């Protein structure tokens, strides 16, 4: 019995040590490439260049988030200084983007942050980061989908004009709000991704072009209205920083959400012709374009309407409607 007990203890100790070694073991880059070549696996076709990477980065980053965040952050945190909140968030995103660019150029693979952590730190940390990325995109996608119904309601004439089967419903006794529009949108996008990469890429391209055109329209038309009306949103007794520098920084931490997606460029590293040169440039240009558009849109909207009068759900369309341009809203 004593011998059996000692053997079981030894086996338990070996399992514990083996489990610890599994958590800290790291992937060897050179051996991984050598094994893939010897096994006849040549990886993905290297066909992407800088314009492709810029398109992927802009398409993955620019979404409905900016249309939702402008009103909430301006009312609660930044006020007219919302533009600087986007600038600070863009600088913070750029620091992260430069890390992605360096790691992606050194270890060009499709694994993104999971793969980099697996190589540099170990499998345990890589496992945590992989699940953190899944959580990031799950929450980000849910938040964007949640902001669809208020803007969709504007097409039907107002916030309470949606058909009953699309309108938000409150569960009695629980106080939970169910948003059918958000759920339907998530199911549609999931089905589109299941159809195939060609179809989903085409739809993403169309949506991205429409998104950029809408933002350019907001900048041009809103700028015209601002110069015509004298930018009433900036003529406030509370000044440019009604919530102080702390509010501006708090707003920056919130609008950082609008920059989620630029890291998707790093996931295409295995398909880039010259990853050492193209990846840093592609990520940098994509992030610069997104940050510039965000800053211009926020500067226009907070100038058209005083920050305290903004609609947190539909800030952009409400800003145009307040100046009588209902067709644009």
C-alpha atoms as a PDB file:
ATOM      1  CA  UNK A   1       0.000   0.000   0.000  1.00  0.00           C
ATOM      2  CA  UNK A   2       2.840   2.369   0.850  1.00  0.00           C
ATOM      3  CA  UNK A   3       4.507   1.697  -2.491  1.00  0.00           C
ATOM      4  CA  UNK A   4       1.269   2.366  -4.363  1.00  0.00           C
ATOM      5  CA  UNK A   5       0.712   5.588  -2.413  1.00  0.00           C
ATOM      6  CA  UNK A   6       4.232   6.802  -3.156  1.00  0.00           C
ATOM      7  CA  UNK A   7       3.770   5.995  -6.838  1.00  0.00           C
ATOM      8  CA  UNK A   8       0.514   7.953  -6.955  1.00  0.00           C
ATOM      9  CA  UNK A   9       2.145  10.938  -5.261  1.00  0.00           C
ATOM     10  CA  UNK A  10       5.023  10.816  -7.724  1.00  0.00           C
ATOM     11  CA  UNK A  11       2.592  10.658 -10.640  1.00  0.00           C
ATOM     12  CA  UNK A  12       0.663  13.609  -9.217  1.00  0.00           C
ATOM     13  CA  UNK A  13       3.851  15.602  -8.848  1.00  0.00           C
ATOM     14  CA  UNK A  14       4.886  14.781 -12.397  1.00  0.00           C
ATOM     15  CA  UNK A  15       1.461  15.850 -13.694  1.00  0.00           C
ATOM     16  CA  UNK A  16       1.728  19.144 -11.814  1.00  0.00           C
ATOM     17  CA  UNK A  17       5.190  19.849 -13.190  1.00  0.00           C
ATOM     18  CA  UNK A  18       4.065  18.797 -16.657  1.00  0.00           C
ATOM     19  CA  UNK A  19       1.053  21.086 -16.468  1.00  0.00           C
ATOM     20  CA  UNK A  20       3.240  24.010 -15.406  1.00  0.00           C
ATOM     21  CA  UNK A  21       5.645  23.327 -18.253  1.00  0.00           C
ATOM     22  CA  UNK A  22       2.696  23.303 -20.654  1.00  0.00           C
ATOM     23  CA  UNK A  23       1.657  26.784 -19.507  1.00  0.00           C
ATOM     24  CA  UNK A  24       5.105  28.302 -19.994  1.00  0.00           C
ATOM     25  CA  UNK A  25       6.263  26.432 -23.083  1.00  0.00           C
ATOM     26  CA  UNK A  26       6.889  28.694 -26.045  1.00  0.00           C
ATOM     27  CA  UNK A  27       6.617  28.226 -29.770  1.00  0.00           C
ATOM     28  CA  UNK A  28       9.831  28.310 -31.762  1.00  0.00           C
ATOM     29  CA  UNK A  29       9.436  30.466 -34.875  1.00  0.00           C
ATOM     30  CA  UNK A  30      12.212  28.950 -36.943  1.00  0.00           C
ATOM     31  CA  UNK A  31      11.275  25.361 -36.190  1.00  0.00           C
ATOM     32  CA  UNK A  32       7.635  26.096 -36.968  1.00  0.00           C
ATOM     33  CA  UNK A  33       8.531  27.461 -40.403  1.00  0.00           C
ATOM     34  CA  UNK A  34      10.926  24.572 -41.041  1.00  0.00           C
ATOM     35  CA  UNK A  35       8.347  21.956 -40.129  1.00  0.00           C
ATOM     36  CA  UNK A  36       5.684  23.563 -42.302  1.00  0.00           C
ATOM     37  CA  UNK A  37       8.065  23.637 -45.288  1.00  0.00           C
ATOM     38  CA  UNK A  38       9.210  20.050 -44.838  1.00  0.00           C
ATOM     39  CA  UNK A  39       5.644  18.854 -44.467  1.00  0.00           C
ATOM     40  CA  UNK A  40       4.635  20.388 -47.771  1.00  0.00           C
ATOM     41  CA  UNK A  41       2.539  23.153 -46.218  1.00  0.00           C
ATOM     42  CA  UNK A  42       3.490  26.418 -47.861  1.00  0.00           C
ATOM     43  CA  UNK A  43       0.986  28.570 -45.976  1.00  0.00           C
ATOM     44  CA  UNK A  44      -1.340  31.115 -47.510  1.00  0.00           C
ATOM     45  CA  UNK A  45      -0.726  32.870 -50.800  1.00  0.00           C
ATOM     46  CA  UNK A  46       1.172  36.142 -50.367  1.00  0.00           C
ATOM     47  CA  UNK A  47      -0.910  38.586 -52.398  1.00  0.00           C
ATOM     48  CA  UNK A  48      -1.672  41.565 -50.131  1.00  0.00           C
ATOM     49  CA  UNK A  49       0.001  44.955 -50.524  1.00  0.00           C
ATOM     50  CA  UNK A  50      -0.249  48.299 -48.708  1.00  0.00           C
ATOM     51  CA  UNK A  51      -3.563  49.404 -50.347  1.00  0.00           C
ATOM     52  CA  UNK A  52      -5.141  46.062 -49.399  1.00  0.00           C
ATOM     53  CA  UNK A  53      -3.970  46.415 -45.808  1.00  0.00           C
ATOM     54  CA  UNK A  54      -5.286  49.978 -45.576  1.00  0.00           C
ATOM     55  CA  UNK A  55      -8.677  48.851 -46.891  1.00  0.00           C
ATOM     56  CA  UNK A  56      -8.796  45.971 -44.400  1.00  0.00           C
ATOM     57  CA  UNK A  57      -7.791  48.215 -41.497  1.00  0.00           C
ATOM     58  CA  UNK A  58     -10.257  50.991 -42.310  1.00  0.00           C
ATOM     59  CA  UNK A  59     -13.052  48.515 -42.999  1.00  0.00           C
ATOM     60  CA  UNK A  60     -12.475  46.679 -39.717  1.00  0.00           C
ATOM     61  CA  UNK A  61     -12.130  49.821 -37.588  1.00  0.00           C
ATOM     62  CA  UNK A  62     -14.763  52.241 -38.870  1.00  0.00           C
ATOM     63  CA  UNK A  63     -18.188  51.080 -37.823  1.00  0.00           C
ATOM     64  CA  UNK A  64     -21.352  52.260 -36.149  1.00  0.00           C
ATOM     65  CA  UNK A  65     -19.476  52.973 -32.915  1.00  0.00           C
ATOM     66  CA  UNK A  66     -18.677  56.575 -33.789  1.00  0.00           C
ATOM     67  CA  UNK A  67     -22.357  57.307 -34.485  1.00  0.00           C
ATOM     68  CA  UNK A  68     -23.233  56.145 -30.975  1.00  0.00           C
ATOM     69  CA  UNK A  69     -20.283  57.429 -28.953  1.00  0.00           C
ATOM     70  CA  UNK A  70     -20.394  61.069 -30.070  1.00  0.00           C
ATOM     71  CA  UNK A  71     -23.545  61.962 -28.150  1.00  0.00           C
ATOM     72  CA  UNK A  72     -22.897  59.945 -24.994  1.00  0.00           C
ATOM     73  CA  UNK A  73     -19.276  60.997 -24.507  1.00  0.00           C
ATOM     74  CA  UNK A  74     -19.933  64.665 -25.323  1.00  0.00           C
ATOM     75  CA  UNK A  75     -22.851  64.870 -22.857  1.00  0.00           C
ATOM     76  CA  UNK A  76     -21.232  62.994 -19.987  1.00  0.00           C
ATOM     77  CA  UNK A  77     -17.466  63.485 -20.267  1.00  0.00           C
ATOM     78  CA  UNK A  78     -15.826  65.723 -22.849  1.00  0.00           C
ATOM     79  CA  UNK A  79     -18.241  68.411 -23.999  1.00  0.00           C
ATOM     80  CA  UNK A  80     -16.863  70.419 -26.941  1.00  0.00           C
ATOM     81  CA  UNK A  81     -13.416  68.878 -26.289  1.00  0.00           C
ATOM     82  CA  UNK A  82     -14.632  65.597 -27.787  1.00  0.00           C
ATOM     83  CA  UNK A  83     -12.287  66.114 -30.744  1.00  0.00           C
ATOM     84  CA  UNK A  84      -9.280  66.023 -28.427  1.00  0.00           C
ATOM     85  CA  UNK A  85     -10.665  62.906 -26.743  1.00  0.00           C
ATOM     86  CA  UNK A  86     -10.598  61.180 -30.119  1.00  0.00           C
ATOM     87  CA  UNK A  87      -7.063  62.474 -30.714  1.00  0.00           C
ATOM     88  CA  UNK A  88      -5.804  61.129 -27.375  1.00  0.00           C
ATOM     89  CA  UNK A  89      -7.527  57.793 -27.984  1.00  0.00           C
ATOM     90  CA  UNK A  90      -5.976  57.681 -31.461  1.00  0.00           C
ATOM     91  CA  UNK A  91      -2.494  58.248 -30.012  1.00  0.00           C
ATOM     92  CA  UNK A  92      -3.060  55.456 -27.480  1.00  0.00           C
ATOM     93  CA  UNK A  93      -4.290  53.174 -30.260  1.00  0.00           C
ATOM     94  CA  UNK A  94      -1.226  54.096 -32.330  1.00  0.00           C
ATOM     95  CA  UNK A  95       1.100  52.946 -29.537  1.00  0.00           C
ATOM     96  CA  UNK A  96      -0.651  49.597 -29.501  1.00  0.00           C
ATOM     97  CA  UNK A  97      -0.675  49.519 -33.302  1.00  0.00           C
ATOM     98  CA  UNK A  98       3.100  50.030 -33.470  1.00  0.00           C
ATOM     99  CA  UNK A  99       3.560  47.015 -31.191  1.00  0.00           C
ATOM    100  CA  UNK A 100       1.324  44.972 -33.477  1.00  0.00           C
ATOM    101  CA  UNK A 101       3.252  46.193 -36.515  1.00  0.00           C
ATOM    102  CA  UNK A 102       6.642  45.236 -35.064  1.00  0.00           C
ATOM    103  CA  UNK A 103       5.512  41.810 -33.886  1.00  0.00           C
ATOM    104  CA  UNK A 104       3.653  41.105 -37.124  1.00  0.00           C
ATOM    105  CA  UNK A 105       6.677  42.016 -39.236  1.00  0.00           C
ATOM    106  CA  UNK A 106       8.951  39.808 -37.120  1.00  0.00           C
ATOM    107  CA  UNK A 107       6.522  36.890 -36.849  1.00  0.00           C
ATOM    108  CA  UNK A 108       4.293  37.068 -39.954  1.00  0.00           C
ATOM    109  CA  UNK A 109       1.512  34.598 -39.226  1.00  0.00           C
ATOM    110  CA  UNK A 110      -2.275  34.563 -39.066  1.00  0.00           C
ATOM    111  CA  UNK A 111      -2.374  34.138 -35.273  1.00  0.00           C
ATOM    112  CA  UNK A 112      -2.160  37.828 -34.326  1.00  0.00           C
ATOM    113  CA  UNK A 113      -1.770  38.546 -30.586  1.00  0.00           C
ATOM    114  CA  UNK A 114      -2.301  34.883 -29.642  1.00  0.00           C
ATOM    115  CA  UNK A 115       0.637  33.802 -31.776  1.00  0.00           C
ATOM    116  CA  UNK A 116       2.921  36.599 -30.577  1.00  0.00           C
ATOM    117  CA  UNK A 117       2.211  35.738 -26.932  1.00  0.00           C
ATOM    118  CA  UNK A 118       2.751  32.037 -27.628  1.00  0.00           C
ATOM    119  CA  UNK A 119       6.205  32.821 -29.033  1.00  0.00           C
ATOM    120  CA  UNK A 120       7.333  35.444 -26.501  1.00  0.00           C
ATOM    121  CA  UNK A 121       5.664  34.501 -23.189  1.00  0.00           C
ATOM    122  CA  UNK A 122       4.109  31.058 -23.264  1.00  0.00           C
ATOM    123  CA  UNK A 123       1.021  29.019 -24.002  1.00  0.00           C
ATOM    124  CA  UNK A 124      -0.825  29.941 -20.797  1.00  0.00           C
ATOM    125  CA  UNK A 125      -0.687  33.686 -21.422  1.00  0.00           C
ATOM    126  CA  UNK A 126      -1.490  33.116 -25.097  1.00  0.00           C
ATOM    127  CA  UNK A 127      -4.611  31.173 -24.091  1.00  0.00           C
ATOM    128  CA  UNK A 128      -5.790  34.068 -21.911  1.00  0.00           C
ATOM    129  CA  UNK A 129      -5.089  36.636 -24.635  1.00  0.00           C
ATOM    130  CA  UNK A 130      -6.923  34.546 -27.217  1.00  0.00           C
ATOM    131  CA  UNK A 131     -10.058  34.479 -25.077  1.00  0.00           C
ATOM    132  CA  UNK A 132      -9.638  38.186 -24.280  1.00  0.00           C
ATOM    133  CA  UNK A 133      -9.685  38.938 -28.018  1.00  0.00           C
ATOM    134  CA  UNK A 134     -12.862  36.890 -28.410  1.00  0.00           C
ATOM    135  CA  UNK A 135     -14.440  38.821 -25.523  1.00  0.00           C
ATOM    136  CA  UNK A 136     -13.298  42.136 -27.043  1.00  0.00           C
ATOM    137  CA  UNK A 137     -14.946  41.469 -30.387  1.00  0.00           C
ATOM    138  CA  UNK A 138     -18.055  39.965 -28.776  1.00  0.00           C
ATOM    139  CA  UNK A 139     -18.672  43.034 -26.617  1.00  0.00           C
ATOM    140  CA  UNK A 140     -17.734  45.392 -29.453  1.00  0.00           C
ATOM    141  CA  UNK A 141     -20.064  43.702 -31.921  1.00  0.00           C
ATOM    142  CA  UNK A 142     -22.901  43.626 -29.391  1.00  0.00           C
ATOM    143  CA  UNK A 143     -22.524  47.311 -28.566  1.00  0.00           C
ATOM    144  CA  UNK A 144     -22.534  48.301 -32.233  1.00  0.00           C
ATOM    145  CA  UNK A 145     -25.570  46.117 -32.940  1.00  0.00           C
ATOM    146  CA  UNK A 146     -27.312  47.662 -29.924  1.00  0.00           C
ATOM    147  CA  UNK A 147     -26.962  51.128 -31.464  1.00  0.00           C
ATOM    148  CA  UNK A 148     -28.722  50.180 -34.695  1.00  0.00           C
ATOM    149  CA  UNK A 149     -32.349  50.390 -33.526  1.00  0.00           C
ATOM    150  CA  UNK A 150     -32.368  54.112 -32.511  1.00  0.00           C
ATOM    151  CA  UNK A 151     -30.923  55.092 -35.883  1.00  0.00           C
ATOM    152  CA  UNK A 152     -33.239  52.710 -37.722  1.00  0.00           C
ATOM    153  CA  UNK A 153     -36.189  54.270 -35.900  1.00  0.00           C
ATOM    154  CA  UNK A 154     -35.320  57.639 -37.456  1.00  0.00           C
ATOM    155  CA  UNK A 155     -36.169  56.148 -40.858  1.00  0.00           C
ATOM    156  CA  UNK A 156     -39.669  55.374 -39.570  1.00  0.00           C
ATOM    157  CA  UNK A 157     -40.249  58.861 -38.210  1.00  0.00           C
ATOM    158  CA  UNK A 158     -38.973  58.858 -34.638  1.00  0.00           C
ATOM    159  CA  UNK A 159     -37.674  56.875 -31.664  1.00  0.00           C
ATOM    160  CA  UNK A 160     -41.020  55.179 -30.981  1.00  0.00           C
ATOM    161  CA  UNK A 161     -42.003  54.547 -34.595  1.00  0.00           C
ATOM    162  CA  UNK A 162     -40.520  51.070 -35.083  1.00  0.00           C
ATOM    163  CA  UNK A 163     -42.905  48.136 -35.618  1.00  0.00           C
ATOM    164  CA  UNK A 164     -43.605  46.296 -32.379  1.00  0.00           C
ATOM    165  CA  UNK A 165     -41.602  43.223 -33.401  1.00  0.00           C
ATOM    166  CA  UNK A 166     -38.489  45.394 -33.952  1.00  0.00           C
ATOM    167  CA  UNK A 167     -38.914  47.846 -31.063  1.00  0.00           C
ATOM    168  CA  UNK A 168     -37.081  47.416 -27.788  1.00  0.00           C
ATOM    169  CA  UNK A 169     -39.110  45.512 -25.199  1.00  0.00           C
ATOM    170  CA  UNK A 170     -38.733  45.547 -21.409  1.00  0.00           C
ATOM    171  CA  UNK A 171     -39.185  42.232 -19.601  1.00  0.00           C
ATOM    172  CA  UNK A 172     -41.710  42.756 -16.765  1.00  0.00           C
ATOM    173  CA  UNK A 173     -40.302  42.195 -13.305  1.00  0.00           C
ATOM    174  CA  UNK A 174     -36.691  42.003 -14.456  1.00  0.00           C
ATOM    175  CA  UNK A 175     -36.179  45.418 -15.974  1.00  0.00           C
ATOM    176  CA  UNK A 176     -34.086  43.918 -18.784  1.00  0.00           C
ATOM    177  CA  UNK A 177     -34.399  45.523 -22.215  1.00  0.00           C
ATOM    178  CA  UNK A 178     -34.453  43.189 -25.214  1.00  0.00           C
ATOM    179  CA  UNK A 179     -33.441  44.630 -28.580  1.00  0.00           C
ATOM    180  CA  UNK A 180     -34.740  42.475 -31.475  1.00  0.00           C
ATOM    181  CA  UNK A 181     -32.968  44.647 -34.080  1.00  0.00           C
ATOM    182  CA  UNK A 182     -29.583  43.965 -32.522  1.00  0.00           C
ATOM    183  CA  UNK A 183     -30.242  40.225 -32.329  1.00  0.00           C
ATOM    184  CA  UNK A 184     -31.440  40.056 -35.943  1.00  0.00           C
ATOM    185  CA  UNK A 185     -28.389  41.988 -37.133  1.00  0.00           C
ATOM    186  CA  UNK A 186     -26.015  39.625 -35.302  1.00  0.00           C
ATOM    187  CA  UNK A 187     -27.737  36.583 -36.830  1.00  0.00           C
ATOM    188  CA  UNK A 188     -27.602  38.102 -40.327  1.00  0.00           C
ATOM    189  CA  UNK A 189     -23.897  38.924 -40.078  1.00  0.00           C
ATOM    190  CA  UNK A 190     -23.151  35.458 -38.681  1.00  0.00           C
ATOM    191  CA  UNK A 191     -25.049  33.831 -41.550  1.00  0.00           C
ATOM    192  CA  UNK A 192     -23.169  35.995 -44.048  1.00  0.00           C
ATOM    193  CA  UNK A 193     -19.821  34.909 -42.596  1.00  0.00           C
ATOM    194  CA  UNK A 194     -20.903  31.278 -42.827  1.00  0.00           C
ATOM    195  CA  UNK A 195     -21.754  31.671 -46.523  1.00  0.00           C
ATOM    196  CA  UNK A 196     -18.156  32.335 -47.550  1.00  0.00           C
ATOM    197  CA  UNK A 197     -15.216  34.699 -47.452  1.00  0.00           C
ATOM    198  CA  UNK A 198     -15.884  36.175 -50.905  1.00  0.00           C
ATOM    199  CA  UNK A 199     -19.442  37.173 -50.116  1.00  0.00           C
ATOM    200  CA  UNK A 200     -18.629  38.547 -46.660  1.00  0.00           C
ATOM    201  CA  UNK A 201     -15.640  40.499 -48.000  1.00  0.00           C
ATOM    202  CA  UNK A 202     -17.768  42.023 -50.748  1.00  0.00           C
ATOM    203  CA  UNK A 203     -20.474  43.090 -48.306  1.00  0.00           C
ATOM    204  CA  UNK A 204     -17.865  44.508 -45.925  1.00  0.00           C
ATOM    205  CA  UNK A 205     -16.391  46.522 -48.782  1.00  0.00           C
ATOM    206  CA  UNK A 206     -19.795  47.936 -49.718  1.00  0.00           C
ATOM    207  CA  UNK A 207     -20.622  48.807 -46.105  1.00  0.00           C
ATOM    208  CA  UNK A 208     -17.211  50.414 -45.597  1.00  0.00           C
ATOM    209  CA  UNK A 209     -17.555  52.591 -48.699  1.00  0.00           C
ATOM    210  CA  UNK A 210     -21.061  53.628 -47.633  1.00  0.00           C
ATOM    211  CA  UNK A 211     -19.774  54.385 -44.134  1.00  0.00           C
ATOM    212  CA  UNK A 212     -16.941  56.575 -45.377  1.00  0.00           C
ATOM    213  CA  UNK A 213     -19.269  58.388 -47.791  1.00  0.00           C
ATOM    214  CA  UNK A 214     -21.709  59.043 -44.935  1.00  0.00           C
ATOM    215  CA  UNK A 215     -18.930  60.426 -42.738  1.00  0.00           C
ATOM    216  CA  UNK A 216     -17.638  62.651 -45.543  1.00  0.00           C
ATOM    217  CA  UNK A 217     -21.193  63.928 -46.058  1.00  0.00           C
ATOM    218  CA  UNK A 218     -21.498  64.686 -42.335  1.00  0.00           C
ATOM    219  CA  UNK A 219     -18.197  66.579 -42.417  1.00  0.00           C
ATOM    220  CA  UNK A 220     -18.996  68.612 -45.550  1.00  0.00           C
ATOM    221  CA  UNK A 221     -22.693  69.300 -44.913  1.00  0.00           C
ATOM    222  CA  UNK A 222     -22.164  69.815 -41.194  1.00  0.00           C
ATOM    223  CA  UNK A 223     -19.248  72.151 -41.846  1.00  0.00           C
ATOM    224  CA  UNK A 224     -21.404  74.213 -44.188  1.00  0.00           C
ATOM    225  CA  UNK A 225     -24.151  74.429 -41.546  1.00  0.00           C
ATOM    226  CA  UNK A 226     -21.624  75.313 -38.879  1.00  0.00           C
ATOM    227  CA  UNK A 227     -20.161  78.229 -40.805  1.00  0.00           C
ATOM    228  CA  UNK A 228     -23.675  79.352 -41.725  1.00  0.00           C
ATOM    229  CA  UNK A 229     -24.980  79.325 -38.140  1.00  0.00           C
ATOM    230  CA  UNK A 230     -21.774  80.426 -36.413  1.00  0.00           C
ATOM    231  CA  UNK A 231     -21.018  77.124 -34.619  1.00  0.00           C
ATOM    232  CA  UNK A 232     -23.452  77.488 -31.686  1.00  0.00           C
ATOM    233  CA  UNK A 233     -22.013  74.447 -29.927  1.00  0.00           C
ATOM    234  CA  UNK A 234     -18.738  76.248 -29.277  1.00  0.00           C
ATOM    235  CA  UNK A 235     -20.293  79.495 -27.987  1.00  0.00           C
ATOM    236  CA  UNK A 236     -21.002  78.338 -24.452  1.00  0.00           C
ATOM    237  CA  UNK A 237     -20.433  80.060 -21.131  1.00  0.00           C
ATOM    238  CA  UNK A 238     -18.977  76.830 -19.722  1.00  0.00           C
ATOM    239  CA  UNK A 239     -16.035  77.067 -22.097  1.00  0.00           C
ATOM    240  CA  UNK A 240     -14.297  74.425 -24.163  1.00  0.00           C
ATOM    241  CA  UNK A 241     -13.634  72.073 -21.216  1.00  0.00           C
ATOM    242  CA  UNK A 242     -16.849  72.031 -19.150  1.00  0.00           C
ATOM    243  CA  UNK A 243     -15.794  68.798 -17.425  1.00  0.00           C
ATOM    244  CA  UNK A 244     -12.132  69.735 -17.163  1.00  0.00           C
ATOM    245  CA  UNK A 245      -9.108  67.783 -18.333  1.00  0.00           C
ATOM    246  CA  UNK A 246     -10.290  64.763 -16.334  1.00  0.00           C
ATOM    247  CA  UNK A 247     -13.503  64.654 -18.350  1.00  0.00           C
ATOM    248  CA  UNK A 248     -11.581  64.868 -21.603  1.00  0.00           C
ATOM    249  CA  UNK A 249      -9.358  61.952 -20.567  1.00  0.00           C
ATOM    250  CA  UNK A 250     -12.375  59.954 -19.395  1.00  0.00           C
ATOM    251  CA  UNK A 251     -13.953  60.576 -22.785  1.00  0.00           C
ATOM    252  CA  UNK A 252     -10.754  59.394 -24.484  1.00  0.00           C
ATOM    253  CA  UNK A 253     -10.898  56.101 -22.594  1.00  0.00           C
ATOM    254  CA  UNK A 254     -14.474  55.616 -23.806  1.00  0.00           C
ATOM    255  CA  UNK A 255     -13.987  56.564 -27.457  1.00  0.00           C
ATOM    256  CA  UNK A 256     -11.002  54.190 -27.656  1.00  0.00           C
ATOM    257  CA  UNK A 257     -13.753  51.660 -28.300  1.00  0.00           C
ATOM    258  CA  UNK A 258     -14.184  53.209 -31.766  1.00  0.00           C
ATOM    259  CA  UNK A 259     -10.640  52.118 -32.697  1.00  0.00           C
ATOM    260  CA  UNK A 260     -11.237  48.428 -32.081  1.00  0.00           C
ATOM    261  CA  UNK A 261     -10.448  46.469 -35.239  1.00  0.00           C
ATOM    262  CA  UNK A 262      -7.122  47.854 -36.450  1.00  0.00           C
ATOM    263  CA  UNK A 263      -5.407  44.716 -35.101  1.00  0.00           C
ATOM    264  CA  UNK A 264      -7.163  42.670 -37.781  1.00  0.00           C
ATOM    265  CA  UNK A 265      -4.478  43.866 -40.206  1.00  0.00           C
ATOM    266  CA  UNK A 266      -1.896  41.912 -38.226  1.00  0.00           C
ATOM    267  CA  UNK A 267      -3.947  38.741 -38.730  1.00  0.00           C
ATOM    268  CA  UNK A 268      -3.264  38.921 -42.472  1.00  0.00           C
ATOM    269  CA  UNK A 269       0.531  38.935 -42.019  1.00  0.00           C
ATOM    270  CA  UNK A 270       0.908  35.495 -43.580  1.00  0.00           C
ATOM    271  CA  UNK A 271      -0.706  36.754 -46.797  1.00  0.00           C
ATOM    272  CA  UNK A 272       1.338  39.965 -47.180  1.00  0.00           C
ATOM    273  CA  UNK A 273       3.968  40.105 -49.923  1.00  0.00           C
ATOM    274  CA  UNK A 274       6.473  42.117 -47.894  1.00  0.00           C
ATOM    275  CA  UNK A 275       5.347  42.034 -44.238  1.00  0.00           C
ATOM    276  CA  UNK A 276       8.434  43.826 -42.877  1.00  0.00           C
ATOM    277  CA  UNK A 277       7.687  46.892 -44.985  1.00  0.00           C
ATOM    278  CA  UNK A 278       3.952  46.765 -45.718  1.00  0.00           C
ATOM    279  CA  UNK A 279       2.471  45.875 -42.317  1.00  0.00           C
ATOM    280  CA  UNK A 280       3.713  48.933 -40.374  1.00  0.00           C
ATOM    281  CA  UNK A 281       2.698  51.242 -43.220  1.00  0.00           C
ATOM    282  CA  UNK A 282      -0.701  49.604 -43.680  1.00  0.00           C
ATOM    283  CA  UNK A 283      -1.552  49.754 -39.975  1.00  0.00           C
ATOM    284  CA  UNK A 284      -0.262  53.318 -39.645  1.00  0.00           C
ATOM    285  CA  UNK A 285      -2.145  54.685 -42.656  1.00  0.00           C
ATOM    286  CA  UNK A 286      -5.387  52.888 -41.716  1.00  0.00           C
ATOM    287  CA  UNK A 287      -5.287  54.199 -38.161  1.00  0.00           C
ATOM    288  CA  UNK A 288      -4.473  57.735 -39.348  1.00  0.00           C
ATOM    289  CA  UNK A 289      -7.435  57.748 -41.748  1.00  0.00           C
ATOM    290  CA  UNK A 290      -9.833  56.513 -39.059  1.00  0.00           C
ATOM    291  CA  UNK A 291      -8.572  58.987 -36.454  1.00  0.00           C
ATOM    292  CA  UNK A 292      -8.840  61.905 -38.903  1.00  0.00           C
ATOM    293  CA  UNK A 293     -12.416  61.016 -39.871  1.00  0.00           C
ATOM    294  CA  UNK A 294     -13.446  60.577 -36.232  1.00  0.00           C
ATOM    295  CA  UNK A 295     -11.965  63.934 -35.229  1.00  0.00           C
ATOM    296  CA  UNK A 296     -13.592  65.813 -38.100  1.00  0.00           C
ATOM    297  CA  UNK A 297     -17.018  64.252 -37.493  1.00  0.00           C
ATOM    298  CA  UNK A 298     -16.874  64.984 -33.757  1.00  0.00           C
ATOM    299  CA  UNK A 299     -15.665  68.560 -34.352  1.00  0.00           C
ATOM    300  CA  UNK A 300     -18.601  69.219 -36.671  1.00  0.00           C
ATOM    301  CA  UNK A 301     -21.315  67.623 -34.532  1.00  0.00           C
ATOM    302  CA  UNK A 302     -20.342  69.239 -31.218  1.00  0.00           C
ATOM    303  CA  UNK A 303     -20.196  72.560 -33.060  1.00  0.00           C
ATOM    304  CA  UNK A 304     -23.722  72.234 -34.450  1.00  0.00           C
ATOM    305  CA  UNK A 305     -25.481  71.421 -31.168  1.00  0.00           C
ATOM    306  CA  UNK A 306     -24.545  72.288 -27.559  1.00  0.00           C
ATOM    307  CA  UNK A 307     -23.183  69.182 -25.873  1.00  0.00           C
ATOM    308  CA  UNK A 308     -25.900  69.167 -23.185  1.00  0.00           C
ATOM    309  CA  UNK A 309     -28.646  69.144 -25.849  1.00  0.00           C
ATOM    310  CA  UNK A 310     -27.309  66.157 -27.793  1.00  0.00           C
ATOM    311  CA  UNK A 311     -29.384  63.026 -28.212  1.00  0.00           C
ATOM    312  CA  UNK A 312     -27.210  60.203 -26.792  1.00  0.00           C
ATOM    313  CA  UNK A 313     -28.780  57.590 -29.090  1.00  0.00           C
ATOM    314  CA  UNK A 314     -28.879  59.481 -32.412  1.00  0.00           C
ATOM    315  CA  UNK A 315     -26.506  62.451 -32.044  1.00  0.00           C
ATOM    316  CA  UNK A 316     -25.656  62.958 -35.716  1.00  0.00           C
ATOM    317  CA  UNK A 317     -29.125  62.645 -37.229  1.00  0.00           C
ATOM    318  CA  UNK A 318     -30.606  64.721 -34.392  1.00  0.00           C
ATOM    319  CA  UNK A 319     -28.023  67.451 -34.987  1.00  0.00           C
ATOM    320  CA  UNK A 320     -29.079  67.774 -38.626  1.00  0.00           C
ATOM    321  CA  UNK A 321     -32.767  67.589 -37.708  1.00  0.00           C
ATOM    322  CA  UNK A 322     -32.335  70.440 -35.202  1.00  0.00           C
ATOM    323  CA  UNK A 323     -31.254  72.670 -38.103  1.00  0.00           C
ATOM    324  CA  UNK A 324     -34.261  71.680 -40.218  1.00  0.00           C
ATOM    325  CA  UNK A 325     -32.460  69.242 -42.533  1.00  0.00           C
ATOM    326  CA  UNK A 326     -34.727  66.287 -41.870  1.00  0.00           C
ATOM    327  CA  UNK A 327     -33.944  64.561 -45.168  1.00  0.00           C
ATOM    328  CA  UNK A 328     -30.306  64.191 -44.100  1.00  0.00           C
ATOM    329  CA  UNK A 329     -31.338  62.865 -40.696  1.00  0.00           C
END
